[in-house]
């Protein structure tokens, strides 16, 4: 499966953005999809994941209550709605696909290119 991430941009603190991860090559409903983020020079941080059955959506404590992950299998797209953005959310966001949700980025075999989010104070 090929993944493409879209939707990053420059916003002010308190604003919202919606990231999209579009899959091609295989139906999205084969996969659980996670979002990670990574500041250059630092370790990749797991942000959220939605499993392929839609029964589970999981969030890092740092984004819980502010971010919402959802999927539209008919559109082969997973969304990450990011509200109440803070400068600490500034980084590059990546989506990744695997059979199940994992916190460990090493377990994901398929990655999209990053989309950059910048939140100004």
C-alpha atoms as a PDB file:
ATOM      1  CA  UNK A   1       0.000   0.000   0.000  1.00  0.00           C
ATOM      2  CA  UNK A   2       1.185   3.530  -0.776  1.00  0.00           C
ATOM      3  CA  UNK A   3       0.331   6.336   1.597  1.00  0.00           C
ATOM      4  CA  UNK A   4       0.260  10.085   1.058  1.00  0.00           C
ATOM      5  CA  UNK A   5      -0.184  12.574   3.856  1.00  0.00           C
ATOM      6  CA  UNK A   6      -1.683  16.005   3.282  1.00  0.00           C
ATOM      7  CA  UNK A   7      -3.027  18.944   5.181  1.00  0.00           C
ATOM      8  CA  UNK A   8      -0.143  20.445   7.096  1.00  0.00           C
ATOM      9  CA  UNK A   9       0.365  24.163   7.262  1.00  0.00           C
ATOM     10  CA  UNK A  10       1.136  27.209   9.333  1.00  0.00           C
ATOM     11  CA  UNK A  11      -1.461  28.155  11.920  1.00  0.00           C
ATOM     12  CA  UNK A  12      -1.704  30.087  15.148  1.00  0.00           C
ATOM     13  CA  UNK A  13      -2.049  28.583  18.592  1.00  0.00           C
ATOM     14  CA  UNK A  14      -5.644  27.596  19.215  1.00  0.00           C
ATOM     15  CA  UNK A  15      -6.377  26.971  15.555  1.00  0.00           C
ATOM     16  CA  UNK A  16      -7.300  23.675  13.926  1.00  0.00           C
ATOM     17  CA  UNK A  17      -5.960  21.593  11.060  1.00  0.00           C
ATOM     18  CA  UNK A  18      -7.104  18.366   9.505  1.00  0.00           C
ATOM     19  CA  UNK A  19      -4.502  15.980   8.165  1.00  0.00           C
ATOM     20  CA  UNK A  20      -5.408  13.361   5.585  1.00  0.00           C
ATOM     21  CA  UNK A  21      -3.664  10.087   4.835  1.00  0.00           C
ATOM     22  CA  UNK A  22      -4.725   8.698   1.475  1.00  0.00           C
ATOM     23  CA  UNK A  23      -4.006   5.082   0.617  1.00  0.00           C
ATOM     24  CA  UNK A  24      -3.586   3.534  -2.810  1.00  0.00           C
ATOM     25  CA  UNK A  25      -2.632   0.134  -4.082  1.00  0.00           C
ATOM     26  CA  UNK A  26      -4.721  -1.824  -1.606  1.00  0.00           C
ATOM     27  CA  UNK A  27      -8.040  -1.132   0.113  1.00  0.00           C
ATOM     28  CA  UNK A  28      -7.569   0.868   3.244  1.00  0.00           C
ATOM     29  CA  UNK A  29      -9.779  -1.428   5.303  1.00  0.00           C
ATOM     30  CA  UNK A  30      -6.977  -4.030   5.260  1.00  0.00           C
ATOM     31  CA  UNK A  31      -4.964  -1.788   7.566  1.00  0.00           C
ATOM     32  CA  UNK A  32      -4.791  -0.071  10.880  1.00  0.00           C
ATOM     33  CA  UNK A  33      -3.437   3.441  10.378  1.00  0.00           C
ATOM     34  CA  UNK A  34      -1.304   5.406  12.789  1.00  0.00           C
ATOM     35  CA  UNK A  35      -0.031   8.950  12.892  1.00  0.00           C
ATOM     36  CA  UNK A  36       3.442   9.679  14.176  1.00  0.00           C
ATOM     37  CA  UNK A  37       5.326  12.921  14.419  1.00  0.00           C
ATOM     38  CA  UNK A  38       9.003  13.635  14.478  1.00  0.00           C
ATOM     39  CA  UNK A  39      11.074  16.674  15.206  1.00  0.00           C
ATOM     40  CA  UNK A  40      14.311  16.437  13.197  1.00  0.00           C
ATOM     41  CA  UNK A  41      17.023  14.925  15.355  1.00  0.00           C
ATOM     42  CA  UNK A  42      14.585  13.410  17.835  1.00  0.00           C
ATOM     43  CA  UNK A  43      12.811  10.092  18.080  1.00  0.00           C
ATOM     44  CA  UNK A  44       9.555   9.548  16.265  1.00  0.00           C
ATOM     45  CA  UNK A  45       6.563  10.010  18.557  1.00  0.00           C
ATOM     46  CA  UNK A  46       3.375   8.000  18.240  1.00  0.00           C
ATOM     47  CA  UNK A  47       0.334  10.266  18.135  1.00  0.00           C
ATOM     48  CA  UNK A  48      -2.745   8.226  17.355  1.00  0.00           C
ATOM     49  CA  UNK A  49      -3.988   5.069  15.700  1.00  0.00           C
ATOM     50  CA  UNK A  50      -7.275   3.721  14.388  1.00  0.00           C
ATOM     51  CA  UNK A  51      -7.666   0.029  13.875  1.00  0.00           C
ATOM     52  CA  UNK A  52      -9.015  -1.453  10.692  1.00  0.00           C
ATOM     53  CA  UNK A  53     -12.328  -2.481  12.237  1.00  0.00           C
ATOM     54  CA  UNK A  54     -13.013   1.105  13.379  1.00  0.00           C
ATOM     55  CA  UNK A  55     -13.669  -0.266  16.856  1.00  0.00           C
ATOM     56  CA  UNK A  56     -10.574   1.252  18.370  1.00  0.00           C
ATOM     57  CA  UNK A  57      -9.072   4.722  18.270  1.00  0.00           C
ATOM     58  CA  UNK A  58      -6.091   5.447  20.447  1.00  0.00           C
ATOM     59  CA  UNK A  59      -4.291   8.623  21.424  1.00  0.00           C
ATOM     60  CA  UNK A  60      -1.105   9.751  23.063  1.00  0.00           C
ATOM     61  CA  UNK A  61      -1.707  11.600  26.324  1.00  0.00           C
ATOM     62  CA  UNK A  62      -0.218  14.723  24.778  1.00  0.00           C
ATOM     63  CA  UNK A  63      -3.030  14.983  22.216  1.00  0.00           C
ATOM     64  CA  UNK A  64      -5.954  13.288  23.953  1.00  0.00           C
ATOM     65  CA  UNK A  65      -8.996  15.524  23.974  1.00  0.00           C
ATOM     66  CA  UNK A  66      -7.590  17.737  21.212  1.00  0.00           C
ATOM     67  CA  UNK A  67      -7.030  15.344  18.302  1.00  0.00           C
ATOM     68  CA  UNK A  68      -9.543  12.985  16.727  1.00  0.00           C
ATOM     69  CA  UNK A  69      -8.669  10.201  14.317  1.00  0.00           C
ATOM     70  CA  UNK A  70     -11.256   8.838  11.910  1.00  0.00           C
ATOM     71  CA  UNK A  71     -11.385   6.865   8.708  1.00  0.00           C
ATOM     72  CA  UNK A  72     -13.458   6.724   5.565  1.00  0.00           C
ATOM     73  CA  UNK A  73     -12.695   3.404   3.959  1.00  0.00           C
ATOM     74  CA  UNK A  74     -14.790   4.241   0.917  1.00  0.00           C
ATOM     75  CA  UNK A  75     -12.476   7.201   0.292  1.00  0.00           C
ATOM     76  CA  UNK A  76      -9.367   5.221   1.313  1.00  0.00           C
ATOM     77  CA  UNK A  77      -8.565   8.038   3.703  1.00  0.00           C
ATOM     78  CA  UNK A  78      -7.760   8.424   7.383  1.00  0.00           C
ATOM     79  CA  UNK A  79      -8.096  11.830   8.971  1.00  0.00           C
ATOM     80  CA  UNK A  80      -6.466  13.426  11.965  1.00  0.00           C
ATOM     81  CA  UNK A  81      -8.499  16.381  13.160  1.00  0.00           C
ATOM     82  CA  UNK A  82      -6.254  18.552  15.289  1.00  0.00           C
ATOM     83  CA  UNK A  83      -7.936  21.188  17.440  1.00  0.00           C
ATOM     84  CA  UNK A  84      -6.583  23.608  20.017  1.00  0.00           C
ATOM     85  CA  UNK A  85      -3.141  23.403  18.474  1.00  0.00           C
ATOM     86  CA  UNK A  86      -0.188  24.492  20.570  1.00  0.00           C
ATOM     87  CA  UNK A  87       3.382  25.367  19.547  1.00  0.00           C
ATOM     88  CA  UNK A  88       4.484  21.993  20.934  1.00  0.00           C
ATOM     89  CA  UNK A  89       2.535  20.340  18.117  1.00  0.00           C
ATOM     90  CA  UNK A  90       4.949  21.855  15.604  1.00  0.00           C
ATOM     91  CA  UNK A  91       6.718  19.112  13.712  1.00  0.00           C
ATOM     92  CA  UNK A  92       6.416  16.802  10.729  1.00  0.00           C
ATOM     93  CA  UNK A  93       3.535  14.325  10.801  1.00  0.00           C
ATOM     94  CA  UNK A  94       3.632  10.909   9.138  1.00  0.00           C
ATOM     95  CA  UNK A  95       0.997   8.251   8.604  1.00  0.00           C
ATOM     96  CA  UNK A  96       1.815   4.561   8.665  1.00  0.00           C
ATOM     97  CA  UNK A  97      -0.068   1.343   7.964  1.00  0.00           C
ATOM     98  CA  UNK A  98       0.047  -2.100   9.479  1.00  0.00           C
ATOM     99  CA  UNK A  99      -2.315  -4.903  10.398  1.00  0.00           C
ATOM    100  CA  UNK A 100      -2.785  -3.734  13.977  1.00  0.00           C
ATOM    101  CA  UNK A 101      -2.193  -0.589  15.968  1.00  0.00           C
ATOM    102  CA  UNK A 102       1.257  -0.460  17.521  1.00  0.00           C
ATOM    103  CA  UNK A 103       3.049   2.169  19.511  1.00  0.00           C
ATOM    104  CA  UNK A 104       6.385   1.020  18.117  1.00  0.00           C
ATOM    105  CA  UNK A 105       7.201   2.713  14.832  1.00  0.00           C
ATOM    106  CA  UNK A 106       9.612  -0.093  13.922  1.00  0.00           C
ATOM    107  CA  UNK A 107       6.665  -2.441  13.428  1.00  0.00           C
ATOM    108  CA  UNK A 108       5.081  -0.413  10.624  1.00  0.00           C
ATOM    109  CA  UNK A 109       5.992  -1.499   7.131  1.00  0.00           C
ATOM    110  CA  UNK A 110       4.305   1.212   5.123  1.00  0.00           C
ATOM    111  CA  UNK A 111       4.856   4.938   5.544  1.00  0.00           C
ATOM    112  CA  UNK A 112       3.693   8.060   3.814  1.00  0.00           C
ATOM    113  CA  UNK A 113       5.782  11.137   3.253  1.00  0.00           C
ATOM    114  CA  UNK A 114       5.537  13.713   6.009  1.00  0.00           C
ATOM    115  CA  UNK A 115       3.376  16.782   6.144  1.00  0.00           C
ATOM    116  CA  UNK A 116       4.652  19.708   8.135  1.00  0.00           C
ATOM    117  CA  UNK A 117       2.638  21.433  10.820  1.00  0.00           C
ATOM    118  CA  UNK A 118       3.803  24.726  12.289  1.00  0.00           C
ATOM    119  CA  UNK A 119       1.931  26.347  15.159  1.00  0.00           C
ATOM    120  CA  UNK A 120       2.937  29.883  16.038  1.00  0.00           C
ATOM    121  CA  UNK A 121       2.352  31.371  19.464  1.00  0.00           C
END
